[in-house]
Amino acid sequence: MIADVMANHTHVFSDVEKSFLASFKSLSDDGQRLFVRIYTRKGPWFRKSTISYREISDLEHAVMELKLAGYIDMLSCTVDPPEYDMEEAIDLLTVPEMKEILKKLPKDNTSCTRRHELANTLLSLYHNGTCASLPKQILKWTGTCIRISKMADELLWRIQRLFFLNGDQDLSSFLLVEFGVVKFPDYACSISHRIFQERIDLLEYEEAIRVAQVMDESLDNNNMDLVTRCIDLSENRLCTMTKQENATSPEHPPLFFSRFSASWVYSKILTLGVSVYERDRRYEDAIRILKMLLSKITCDRRRGYWTLRLSVDLEHMGRPNESLSIAEGGAIDPWVRAGSKFALQRRVLRLSKPPRRWKVPSYADYVKRNIKETAPLDLETDYFYKSRKDLAESQLKKVQDGMAEEMLISSWELHQGTSCQGVNWDRHSLTDLRAVVACIGGHCLALLLRHLAVDYRSWSSGMPDLLLWRFLDERGGGEAKLVEVKGPRDQLSEQQRAWILVLMDFGFDVEVCKVSTVAKRR
């Protein structure tokens, strides 16, 4: 991987970085193997006493070799511990070791029993000066510890990015191929353009990736202050960048290379930021960002989404004329396609009624066309069952006699994908549906289907929320339960109550599940 990247992207590395990466090849087999092992493990620190791999014959020599080459950092009694994150050092201790350290302190802190409580206690004692000797005591228990050095970690992260050009892939891809779990096609890789023209392009891209990672983590942790900072930083960075042009000359890199640019990453962050602001009804902020995105990035499939959101947000702010102008511009933008274009055309027709616009757009008739929908005209009438009673009852007899699964498979194979009232082919797999049919049983299923056939209009809504099923033995016996879920202040509607009573009459196991709030401290 290193050799491939250095052959194709050497211009983005400094001389120091090139020398450092080249030194990996001169390491012994044990050194290389140890580095790869700890690089792919979750750290950051590892106790040397716990490291043992069959393929590494001389661990001591491998550790010292990696230390001297700058590939790992070492934590021992000879190194000043405050150089390192004390929280990371405490994390190396076991629960019994933490308890032993606390026992020796003047104040009794042995009432803590859980790992996070013990760790927090030690950390607070260290920060308030009560336990200044903590670093030495930790090292007394852990012995020598190692971790990947900052330079090695950053360079290997860069190597992986350049090799895979895909943030979702890492070194585990090699293992998956080695174990035969994944097989990739054989192809010749022809490199005709540089993805990163200069080193600065790569560094800016890496910075943007880090901001995107912070954004994702902040959203997961609901840290909205940090989310706002990421959005503001991305907005400032994109504002200072040159406008993206649609260059088509042979010398210019293909347009899809733009996804490996800082501006593309920042535009992704800002697209997410628009959703955040819209959710909080900060429409002016969302409008500002959307306008900036559309002005800076002219060749991108996301222009359809940005234009649509801008038009909608402007309408929210009581600016229908501007909303209409944006929608009209988007409808003729060559980068606005498919559903986004159709949505913008529909907005134009809705917003452009006289006197705002007198001229009817050329696509008006196309957009207004009715889409045929594949149910019988009498489906929602009493006539549906009456006119097909003999056919319906013959089918229901087969269901009653246990042939439902066979009928399901046959119907799936003949009609899958065909639009049909009440049928969603993508919602469940055939495997799940077969299991459901088997666990419900022919008797209950036939009664339910007859009920729907006789009066579909009245009974097409209000069924319980959940269908639960399970197999009881290897021979296929099973059971099913229908459950209506209600929150603390929810009540059954009359339609839901009617369904539950009917299902009980049919022999279904049916019940109401009342969900109550749980105290935060619990």
Protein backbone atom coordinates (compact mmCIF):
# COMPACT_ATOMS: atom_id res chain seq x y z
CA MET A 1 0.00 0.00 0.00
CA ILE A 2 2.82 2.41 0.89
CA ALA A 3 4.70 1.54 -2.30
CA ASP A 4 1.63 2.14 -4.47
CA VAL A 5 0.87 5.52 -2.91
CA MET A 6 4.49 6.68 -3.07
CA ALA A 7 4.61 5.73 -6.76
CA ASN A 8 1.48 7.69 -7.69
CA HIS A 9 1.23 10.51 -5.13
CA THR A 10 4.82 11.23 -4.12
CA HIS A 11 4.42 14.96 -4.90
CA VAL A 12 2.08 15.52 -1.92
CA PHE A 13 4.63 14.31 0.67
CA SER A 14 7.46 16.36 2.18
CA ASP A 15 11.03 15.06 2.13
CA VAL A 16 10.81 14.23 5.84
CA GLU A 17 7.60 12.25 5.29
CA LYS A 18 9.08 10.38 2.33
CA SER A 19 12.14 9.42 4.36
CA PHE A 20 9.97 8.28 7.27
CA LEU A 21 7.74 6.09 5.09
CA ALA A 22 10.72 4.66 3.23
CA SER A 23 12.21 3.52 6.54
CA PHE A 24 9.31 1.11 7.08
CA LYS A 25 10.75 -1.21 4.45
CA SER A 26 14.06 -1.39 6.32
CA LEU A 27 12.40 -2.55 9.54
CA SER A 28 12.76 -6.20 10.49
CA ASP A 29 9.86 -8.58 9.89
CA ASP A 30 9.11 -8.56 13.62
CA GLY A 31 9.06 -4.75 13.65
CA GLN A 32 6.71 -4.52 10.68
CA ARG A 33 4.40 -7.20 12.04
CA LEU A 34 4.20 -5.59 15.48
CA PHE A 35 3.44 -2.19 13.98
CA VAL A 36 0.61 -3.54 11.81
CA ARG A 37 -0.79 -5.48 14.77
CA ILE A 38 -1.05 -2.50 17.12
CA TYR A 39 -2.05 -0.09 14.34
CA THR A 40 -5.17 -2.17 13.62
CA ARG A 41 -6.10 -2.55 17.30
CA LYS A 42 -8.14 -0.15 19.40
CA GLY A 43 -5.81 1.79 21.66
CA PRO A 44 -4.25 4.17 21.99
CA TRP A 45 -1.99 2.61 24.66
CA PHE A 46 -1.04 -1.06 25.05
CA ARG A 47 0.72 -2.70 27.97
CA LYS A 48 3.80 -4.39 26.62
CA SER A 49 3.32 -7.27 29.04
CA THR A 50 0.01 -8.16 27.36
CA ILE A 51 1.36 -8.17 23.78
CA SER A 52 2.00 -11.65 22.43
CA TYR A 53 1.79 -12.80 18.80
CA ARG A 54 3.04 -16.11 17.41
CA GLU A 55 4.55 -14.50 14.32
CA ILE A 56 6.72 -12.10 16.39
CA SER A 57 9.77 -13.98 17.67
CA ASP A 58 11.55 -11.15 19.53
CA LEU A 59 9.10 -8.65 21.00
CA GLU A 60 11.71 -6.63 22.92
CA HIS A 61 13.81 -6.04 19.81
CA ALA A 62 10.71 -5.15 17.73
CA VAL A 63 9.55 -2.60 20.33
CA MET A 64 12.94 -0.87 20.55
CA GLU A 65 13.31 -0.88 16.77
CA LEU A 66 9.93 0.83 16.29
CA LYS A 67 10.73 3.30 19.07
CA LEU A 68 14.07 4.30 17.53
CA ALA A 69 12.50 4.61 14.06
CA GLY A 70 9.77 6.93 15.41
CA TYR A 71 6.86 4.60 14.73
CA ILE A 72 5.77 4.22 18.37
CA ASP A 73 5.82 6.20 21.61
CA MET A 74 6.79 4.50 24.86
CA LEU A 75 5.50 5.17 28.36
CA SER A 76 7.67 3.95 31.20
CA CYS A 77 9.16 5.06 34.51
CA THR A 78 11.95 6.86 32.63
CA VAL A 79 9.51 9.06 30.68
CA ASP A 80 7.78 12.06 32.23
CA PRO A 81 4.13 10.88 32.44
CA PRO A 82 2.51 14.36 32.32
CA GLU A 83 3.47 14.46 28.65
CA TYR A 84 0.59 12.08 28.05
CA ASP A 85 -3.16 12.15 28.57
CA MET A 86 -3.78 10.96 32.13
CA GLU A 87 -7.25 9.69 31.23
CA GLU A 88 -5.69 7.37 28.63
CA ALA A 89 -3.13 6.16 31.18
CA ILE A 90 -5.82 5.42 33.80
CA ASP A 91 -7.75 3.45 31.18
CA LEU A 92 -4.86 0.96 31.10
CA LEU A 93 -5.57 -0.12 34.69
CA THR A 94 -7.83 -2.99 35.65
CA VAL A 95 -10.57 -2.52 38.27
CA PRO A 96 -8.60 -4.34 41.02
CA GLU A 97 -5.53 -2.19 40.24
CA MET A 98 -7.55 1.01 40.55
CA LYS A 99 -8.92 -0.13 43.90
CA GLU A 100 -5.41 -0.90 45.19
CA ILE A 101 -4.17 2.56 44.23
CA LEU A 102 -7.16 4.23 45.95
CA LYS A 103 -6.60 2.19 49.13
CA LYS A 104 -3.17 3.75 49.59
CA LEU A 105 -4.47 7.31 49.42
CA PRO A 106 -5.11 9.26 52.67
CA LYS A 107 -8.81 9.70 51.92
CA ASP A 108 -10.91 6.55 51.73
CA ASN A 109 -12.37 6.24 48.22
CA THR A 110 -13.02 2.50 48.24
CA SER A 111 -16.81 2.92 48.10
CA CYS A 112 -16.55 3.12 44.29
CA THR A 113 -17.06 -0.22 42.58
CA ARG A 114 -17.72 0.42 38.89
CA ARG A 115 -14.91 1.00 36.44
CA HIS A 116 -16.01 4.46 35.28
CA GLU A 117 -16.52 5.60 38.90
CA LEU A 118 -13.05 4.45 39.90
CA ALA A 119 -11.48 6.08 36.84
CA ASN A 120 -13.29 9.38 37.43
CA THR A 121 -12.24 9.39 41.08
CA LEU A 122 -8.57 8.86 40.22
CA LEU A 123 -8.70 11.53 37.54
CA SER A 124 -10.28 14.12 39.85
CA LEU A 125 -7.77 13.35 42.60
CA TYR A 126 -4.94 13.87 40.12
CA HIS A 127 -6.32 17.18 38.80
CA ASN A 128 -6.95 18.68 42.25
CA GLY A 129 -3.44 17.78 43.39
CA THR A 130 -4.46 15.14 45.95
CA CYS A 131 -2.63 12.42 44.05
CA ALA A 132 0.34 14.00 42.30
CA SER A 133 2.17 10.66 42.37
CA LEU A 134 -0.56 8.95 40.34
CA PRO A 135 1.46 8.72 37.08
CA LYS A 136 4.26 6.82 38.81
CA GLN A 137 1.79 4.55 40.57
CA ILE A 138 0.04 3.75 37.29
CA LEU A 139 3.32 2.80 35.62
CA LYS A 140 4.20 0.65 38.62
CA TRP A 141 1.15 -1.49 37.84
CA THR A 142 1.13 -1.36 34.07
CA GLY A 143 4.83 -1.56 33.30
CA THR A 144 6.06 -0.26 29.94
CA CYS A 145 3.31 0.80 27.53
CA ILE A 146 3.43 1.63 23.82
CA ARG A 147 1.26 3.41 21.27
CA ILE A 148 1.46 4.47 17.62
CA SER A 149 3.34 7.77 17.30
CA LYS A 150 1.47 10.84 16.12
CA MET A 151 3.54 11.10 12.92
CA ALA A 152 3.06 7.44 12.02
CA ASP A 153 -0.66 7.62 12.76
CA GLU A 154 -1.20 10.72 10.62
CA LEU A 155 0.90 9.44 7.72
CA LEU A 156 -0.73 6.01 7.67
CA TRP A 157 -4.15 7.67 7.76
CA ARG A 158 -3.09 9.70 4.72
CA ILE A 159 -1.69 6.62 2.97
CA GLN A 160 -5.00 4.79 3.41
CA ARG A 161 -6.99 7.76 2.12
CA LEU A 162 -4.82 8.00 -1.00
CA PHE A 163 -4.75 4.25 -1.60
CA PHE A 164 -8.47 3.51 -1.19
CA LEU A 165 -9.85 6.98 -2.04
CA ASN A 166 -12.76 5.85 0.10
CA GLY A 167 -13.28 6.77 3.73
CA ASP A 168 -15.23 3.57 4.40
CA GLN A 169 -12.31 1.27 3.55
CA ASP A 170 -9.25 0.55 5.67
CA LEU A 171 -6.68 -2.18 6.25
CA SER A 172 -9.41 -4.68 7.14
CA SER A 173 -10.19 -4.84 3.39
CA PHE A 174 -6.96 -6.79 2.92
CA LEU A 175 -7.97 -9.29 5.58
CA LEU A 176 -11.42 -9.77 4.04
CA VAL A 177 -9.78 -10.62 0.71
CA GLU A 178 -7.19 -12.85 2.41
CA PHE A 179 -9.91 -14.83 4.20
CA GLY A 180 -12.00 -15.12 1.03
CA VAL A 181 -14.90 -13.12 2.48
CA VAL A 182 -14.71 -10.47 -0.28
CA LYS A 183 -13.50 -10.85 -3.85
CA PHE A 184 -12.72 -7.81 -6.01
CA PRO A 185 -12.53 -7.89 -9.83
CA ASP A 186 -9.15 -7.84 -11.54
CA TYR A 187 -8.62 -4.66 -13.52
CA ALA A 188 -5.84 -2.43 -14.74
CA CYS A 189 -5.66 0.90 -12.91
CA SER A 190 -4.86 3.64 -15.42
CA ILE A 191 -3.91 6.97 -13.83
CA SER A 192 -4.26 9.85 -16.28
CA HIS A 193 -4.68 12.82 -13.88
CA ARG A 194 -3.51 13.80 -10.45
CA ILE A 195 -6.31 13.87 -7.92
CA PHE A 196 -4.40 16.38 -5.78
CA GLN A 197 -2.49 18.88 -7.91
CA GLU A 198 -0.44 20.25 -5.01
CA ARG A 199 0.39 19.24 -1.45
CA ILE A 200 -1.73 22.12 -0.13
CA ASP A 201 -4.80 20.61 -1.86
CA LEU A 202 -4.35 17.40 0.11
CA LEU A 203 -3.76 19.20 3.42
CA GLU A 204 -6.90 21.29 2.97
CA TYR A 205 -8.88 18.15 2.10
CA GLU A 206 -7.61 16.38 5.24
CA GLU A 207 -8.57 19.34 7.41
CA ALA A 208 -12.07 19.30 5.92
CA ILE A 209 -12.38 15.56 6.62
CA ARG A 210 -11.51 16.17 10.27
CA VAL A 211 -14.16 18.90 10.54
CA ALA A 212 -16.70 16.49 9.01
CA GLN A 213 -15.79 13.84 11.59
CA VAL A 214 -16.24 16.35 14.44
CA MET A 215 -19.60 17.34 12.92
CA ASP A 216 -20.81 13.73 12.86
CA GLU A 217 -19.66 13.05 16.43
CA SER A 218 -21.24 16.29 17.68
CA LEU A 219 -24.58 15.41 16.08
CA ASP A 220 -24.45 11.93 17.64
CA ASN A 221 -23.75 13.50 21.06
CA ASN A 222 -26.28 16.31 20.52
CA ASN A 223 -23.53 18.89 21.13
CA MET A 224 -25.20 21.69 19.21
CA ASP A 225 -22.62 24.33 20.16
CA LEU A 226 -19.92 22.31 18.45
CA VAL A 227 -22.23 21.58 15.50
CA THR A 228 -22.73 25.31 14.99
CA ARG A 229 -18.97 25.90 15.14
CA CYS A 230 -18.41 23.25 12.47
CA ILE A 231 -21.06 24.85 10.25
CA ASP A 232 -19.56 28.34 10.71
CA LEU A 233 -16.04 27.10 10.00
CA SER A 234 -17.18 25.27 6.86
CA GLU A 235 -19.06 28.35 5.67
CA ASN A 236 -16.01 30.57 6.16
CA ARG A 237 -13.71 28.10 4.39
CA LEU A 238 -16.03 27.69 1.40
CA CYS A 239 -16.54 31.45 1.10
CA THR A 240 -12.80 31.98 0.60
CA MET A 241 -12.46 29.26 -2.05
CA THR A 242 -12.65 29.91 -5.77
CA LYS A 243 -15.85 29.14 -7.63
CA GLN A 244 -16.00 25.62 -9.06
CA GLU A 245 -15.99 25.75 -12.86
CA ASN A 246 -17.10 23.12 -15.36
CA ALA A 247 -13.76 22.66 -17.14
CA THR A 248 -13.92 20.09 -19.95
CA SER A 249 -10.45 20.37 -21.52
CA PRO A 250 -8.43 17.12 -21.76
CA GLU A 251 -5.75 18.58 -19.50
CA HIS A 252 -8.22 19.33 -16.71
CA PRO A 253 -9.01 16.52 -14.20
CA PRO A 254 -12.44 14.87 -14.58
CA LEU A 255 -15.22 16.64 -12.75
CA PHE A 256 -15.84 13.73 -10.38
CA PHE A 257 -12.38 14.36 -8.88
CA SER A 258 -14.00 17.32 -7.11
CA ARG A 259 -15.28 14.97 -4.40
CA PHE A 260 -11.65 14.78 -3.18
CA SER A 261 -11.53 18.52 -2.59
CA ALA A 262 -11.96 20.49 0.61
CA SER A 263 -14.82 22.46 -0.97
CA TRP A 264 -16.79 19.26 -1.66
CA VAL A 265 -16.41 18.08 1.96
CA TYR A 266 -17.37 21.48 3.34
CA SER A 267 -20.42 21.52 1.06
CA LYS A 268 -21.49 18.18 2.57
CA ILE A 269 -21.15 19.61 6.08
CA LEU A 270 -23.16 22.67 5.10
CA THR A 271 -25.86 20.54 3.46
CA LEU A 272 -26.24 18.78 6.80
CA GLY A 273 -26.12 22.17 8.51
CA VAL A 274 -29.08 23.35 6.44
CA SER A 275 -31.14 20.47 7.82
CA VAL A 276 -30.08 21.41 11.37
CA TYR A 277 -31.09 25.04 10.88
CA GLU A 278 -34.38 24.11 9.21
CA ARG A 279 -35.24 21.80 12.09
CA ASP A 280 -34.68 24.73 14.49
CA ARG A 281 -36.64 27.05 12.15
CA ARG A 282 -33.58 29.20 11.57
CA TYR A 283 -34.65 29.78 7.98
CA GLU A 284 -32.57 32.91 7.42
CA ASP A 285 -29.38 30.98 8.29
CA ALA A 286 -30.44 28.09 6.04
CA ILE A 287 -31.19 30.51 3.17
CA ARG A 288 -27.79 32.19 3.51
CA ILE A 289 -25.95 28.86 3.33
CA LEU A 290 -28.02 27.54 0.42
CA LYS A 291 -27.40 30.70 -1.61
CA MET A 292 -23.68 30.42 -0.95
CA LEU A 293 -23.61 26.74 -1.97
CA LEU A 294 -25.42 27.47 -5.23
CA SER A 295 -23.09 30.38 -6.02
CA LYS A 296 -19.86 28.49 -5.25
CA ILE A 297 -20.61 25.01 -6.61
CA THR A 298 -22.09 25.19 -10.10
CA CYS A 299 -21.54 21.60 -11.30
CA ASP A 300 -23.03 19.18 -8.81
CA ARG A 301 -26.04 16.86 -8.70
CA ARG A 302 -26.88 18.24 -5.24
CA ARG A 303 -27.90 21.55 -6.82
CA GLY A 304 -31.41 20.15 -7.21
CA TYR A 305 -31.74 19.53 -3.47
CA TRP A 306 -30.20 22.90 -2.58
CA THR A 307 -32.48 24.80 -4.98
CA LEU A 308 -35.60 23.02 -3.74
CA ARG A 309 -34.77 23.69 -0.08
CA LEU A 310 -33.98 27.33 -0.84
CA SER A 311 -37.33 27.80 -2.59
CA VAL A 312 -39.20 26.13 0.29
CA ASP A 313 -37.36 28.14 2.98
CA LEU A 314 -38.00 31.42 1.17
CA GLU A 315 -41.71 30.59 1.13
CA HIS A 316 -41.52 29.87 4.88
CA MET A 317 -40.15 33.39 5.31
CA GLY A 318 -43.07 34.94 3.41
CA ARG A 319 -41.08 35.71 0.25
CA PRO A 320 -43.15 33.94 -2.47
CA ASN A 321 -41.83 36.03 -5.39
CA GLU A 322 -38.23 35.15 -4.59
CA SER A 323 -39.21 31.54 -3.93
CA LEU A 324 -40.82 31.39 -7.39
CA SER A 325 -37.76 32.91 -9.10
CA ILE A 326 -35.48 30.35 -7.47
CA ALA A 327 -37.79 27.50 -8.50
CA GLU A 328 -37.93 28.77 -12.09
CA GLY A 329 -34.16 28.98 -12.28
CA GLY A 330 -33.77 25.52 -10.83
CA ALA A 331 -36.23 24.01 -13.30
CA ILE A 332 -33.91 24.94 -16.20
CA ASP A 333 -30.60 24.22 -14.42
CA PRO A 334 -28.86 21.36 -16.33
CA TRP A 335 -27.56 19.95 -13.03
CA VAL A 336 -31.06 19.71 -11.55
CA ARG A 337 -32.52 16.37 -12.56
CA ALA A 338 -35.02 13.61 -11.80
CA GLY A 339 -37.21 14.09 -8.71
CA SER A 340 -35.72 17.47 -7.75
CA LYS A 341 -36.51 18.91 -11.17
CA PHE A 342 -40.05 17.55 -11.08
CA ALA A 343 -40.58 18.98 -7.58
CA LEU A 344 -39.36 22.41 -8.69
CA GLN A 345 -41.61 22.35 -11.76
CA ARG A 346 -44.59 21.56 -9.54
CA ARG A 347 -43.62 24.46 -7.25
CA VAL A 348 -43.47 26.80 -10.24
CA LEU A 349 -46.99 25.83 -11.29
CA ARG A 350 -48.32 26.30 -7.77
CA LEU A 351 -46.61 29.64 -7.13
CA SER A 352 -46.98 31.20 -10.59
CA LYS A 353 -50.73 31.74 -10.71
CA PRO A 354 -51.78 35.17 -12.12
CA PRO A 355 -51.09 37.98 -11.43
CA ARG A 356 -47.65 36.74 -10.29
CA ARG A 357 -47.11 35.07 -13.69
CA TRP A 358 -49.38 35.11 -16.74
CA LYS A 359 -47.40 32.84 -19.03
CA VAL A 360 -47.93 29.11 -18.49
CA PRO A 361 -44.67 27.08 -18.45
CA SER A 362 -44.12 24.68 -21.34
CA TYR A 363 -43.91 21.71 -19.00
CA ALA A 364 -47.29 22.40 -17.32
CA ASP A 365 -49.21 19.66 -19.16
CA TYR A 366 -46.41 17.14 -18.60
CA VAL A 367 -46.29 17.74 -14.85
CA LYS A 368 -50.09 17.73 -14.45
CA ARG A 369 -50.59 14.33 -16.07
CA ASN A 370 -52.47 11.82 -13.94
CA ILE A 371 -50.65 8.65 -12.95
CA LYS A 372 -52.76 5.54 -13.23
CA GLU A 373 -53.33 3.64 -10.01
CA THR A 374 -53.61 -0.97 -10.55
CA ALA A 375 -56.82 -1.58 -7.93
CA PRO A 376 -60.32 -2.77 -9.21
CA LEU A 377 -62.79 0.11 -9.32
CA ASP A 378 -65.11 -1.76 -6.96
CA LEU A 379 -62.43 -2.67 -4.38
CA GLU A 380 -63.75 -0.27 -1.74
CA THR A 381 -67.39 -1.23 -2.27
CA ASP A 382 -69.59 -4.08 -1.03
CA TYR A 383 -69.84 -5.28 -4.65
CA PHE A 384 -66.17 -6.36 -4.70
CA TYR A 385 -66.73 -9.52 -2.61
CA LYS A 386 -70.25 -10.23 -3.83
CA SER A 387 -69.25 -10.33 -7.50
CA ARG A 388 -66.29 -12.63 -6.80
CA LYS A 389 -67.67 -14.67 -3.91
CA ASP A 390 -67.09 -18.12 -5.45
CA LEU A 391 -63.50 -17.29 -6.50
CA ALA A 392 -62.74 -15.61 -3.15
CA GLU A 393 -64.11 -18.51 -1.11
CA SER A 394 -62.15 -21.09 -3.11
CA GLN A 395 -58.95 -19.18 -2.41
CA LEU A 396 -59.84 -18.70 1.27
CA LYS A 397 -60.50 -22.49 1.54
CA LYS A 398 -56.93 -23.13 0.35
CA VAL A 399 -55.62 -20.69 2.97
CA GLN A 400 -57.75 -22.38 5.64
CA ASP A 401 -56.36 -25.79 4.63
CA GLY A 402 -52.72 -24.70 5.09
CA MET A 403 -51.79 -23.80 1.52
CA ALA A 404 -51.18 -20.09 2.26
CA GLU A 405 -47.39 -20.36 2.12
CA GLU A 406 -47.47 -22.14 -1.25
CA MET A 407 -49.89 -19.50 -2.60
CA LEU A 408 -47.66 -16.71 -1.26
CA ILE A 409 -44.56 -18.09 -3.01
CA SER A 410 -46.42 -18.54 -6.29
CA SER A 411 -47.88 -15.00 -6.17
CA TRP A 412 -44.47 -13.53 -5.28
CA GLU A 413 -42.72 -15.23 -8.19
CA LEU A 414 -45.45 -14.28 -10.70
CA HIS A 415 -46.20 -10.71 -9.64
CA GLN A 416 -43.28 -9.26 -7.61
CA GLY A 417 -42.88 -5.56 -8.43
CA THR A 418 -46.35 -5.16 -9.96
CA SER A 419 -48.14 -2.15 -8.46
CA CYS A 420 -51.13 -3.28 -6.42
CA GLN A 421 -53.40 -1.59 -3.88
CA GLY A 422 -52.40 -2.53 -0.32
CA VAL A 423 -49.15 -4.26 -1.39
CA ASN A 424 -45.64 -2.93 -0.74
CA TRP A 425 -43.13 -5.33 -2.28
CA ASP A 426 -40.13 -3.63 -0.67
CA ARG A 427 -41.32 -3.54 2.91
CA HIS A 428 -40.73 -7.20 3.78
CA SER A 429 -38.74 -10.09 2.35
CA LEU A 430 -40.37 -13.28 1.09
CA THR A 431 -38.59 -15.15 3.89
CA ASP A 432 -40.24 -12.99 6.57
CA LEU A 433 -43.65 -13.23 4.93
CA ARG A 434 -43.42 -17.03 4.76
CA ALA A 435 -42.54 -17.09 8.45
CA VAL A 436 -45.49 -14.81 9.30
CA VAL A 437 -47.94 -16.98 7.34
CA ALA A 438 -46.66 -20.13 9.04
CA CYS A 439 -46.85 -18.65 12.55
CA ILE A 440 -50.31 -17.09 12.15
CA GLY A 441 -51.84 -20.28 10.81
CA GLY A 442 -54.41 -20.88 8.07
CA HIS A 443 -57.56 -20.56 10.20
CA CYS A 444 -56.89 -17.05 11.57
CA LEU A 445 -55.40 -15.85 8.29
CA ALA A 446 -58.45 -16.95 6.25
CA LEU A 447 -60.84 -15.16 8.61
CA LEU A 448 -58.77 -11.96 8.44
CA LEU A 449 -58.53 -12.00 4.64
CA ARG A 450 -62.29 -12.62 4.25
CA HIS A 451 -62.95 -9.66 6.56
CA LEU A 452 -60.84 -7.39 4.34
CA ALA A 453 -62.37 -8.73 1.12
CA VAL A 454 -65.94 -8.15 2.31
CA ASP A 455 -65.42 -4.51 3.40
CA TYR A 456 -61.93 -3.23 2.47
CA ARG A 457 -62.88 0.44 2.73
CA SER A 458 -63.97 0.21 6.37
CA TRP A 459 -61.13 -2.03 7.56
CA SER A 460 -58.10 -0.84 5.55
CA SER A 461 -56.81 1.22 8.51
CA GLY A 462 -56.53 0.84 12.27
CA MET A 463 -54.83 -2.55 12.57
CA PRO A 464 -52.40 -2.97 15.52
CA ASP A 465 -48.88 -1.53 15.11
CA LEU A 466 -46.81 -4.64 15.69
CA LEU A 467 -46.90 -8.17 14.38
CA LEU A 468 -44.62 -10.41 16.41
CA TRP A 469 -43.88 -14.02 15.58
CA ARG A 470 -41.59 -16.87 16.59
CA PHE A 471 -41.00 -20.52 15.80
CA LEU A 472 -41.44 -22.95 18.67
CA ASP A 473 -39.56 -25.97 17.35
CA GLU A 474 -37.50 -27.26 14.44
CA ARG A 475 -40.57 -28.77 12.76
CA GLY A 476 -41.95 -25.31 12.00
CA GLY A 477 -44.59 -24.84 14.68
CA GLY A 478 -44.97 -21.18 15.60
CA GLU A 479 -47.10 -18.48 17.14
CA ALA A 480 -47.91 -14.84 16.41
CA LYS A 481 -49.12 -11.87 18.43
CA LEU A 482 -50.63 -8.54 17.31
CA VAL A 483 -49.85 -5.54 19.54
CA GLU A 484 -51.22 -1.99 19.57
CA VAL A 485 -48.64 0.34 21.16
CA LYS A 486 -49.81 3.37 23.13
CA GLY A 487 -47.83 6.14 24.81
CA PRO A 488 -48.54 7.54 28.29
CA ARG A 489 -51.30 9.90 27.14
CA ASP A 490 -52.57 7.97 24.11
CA GLN A 491 -56.00 6.34 23.97
CA LEU A 492 -57.37 3.68 21.64
CA SER A 493 -59.40 5.12 18.80
CA GLU A 494 -62.79 3.56 18.13
CA GLN A 495 -61.40 2.08 14.87
CA GLN A 496 -58.51 0.45 16.75
CA ARG A 497 -60.86 -0.86 19.43
CA ALA A 498 -63.09 -2.37 16.72
CA TRP A 499 -60.09 -4.08 15.08
CA ILE A 500 -58.88 -5.56 18.38
CA LEU A 501 -62.31 -7.01 19.18
CA VAL A 502 -62.64 -8.51 15.67
CA LEU A 503 -59.15 -10.02 15.86
CA MET A 504 -59.99 -11.54 19.25
CA ASP A 505 -63.10 -13.09 17.69
CA PHE A 506 -60.92 -14.57 14.92
CA GLY A 507 -58.68 -16.26 17.48
CA PHE A 508 -55.66 -13.96 17.26
CA ASP A 509 -53.45 -13.34 20.29
CA VAL A 510 -53.84 -9.55 20.51
CA GLU A 511 -53.12 -7.01 23.24
CA VAL A 512 -52.39 -3.34 23.96
CA CYS A 513 -48.89 -2.39 25.08
CA LYS A 514 -48.85 0.78 27.21
CA VAL A 515 -45.50 2.56 27.19
CA SER A 516 -44.71 4.66 30.27
CA THR A 517 -41.92 7.14 30.83
CA VAL A 518 -38.95 5.99 32.90
CA ALA A 519 -37.29 8.28 35.43
CA LYS A 520 -33.96 9.61 34.13
CA ARG A 521 -32.01 8.37 37.11
CA ARG A 522 -33.28 4.83 36.53
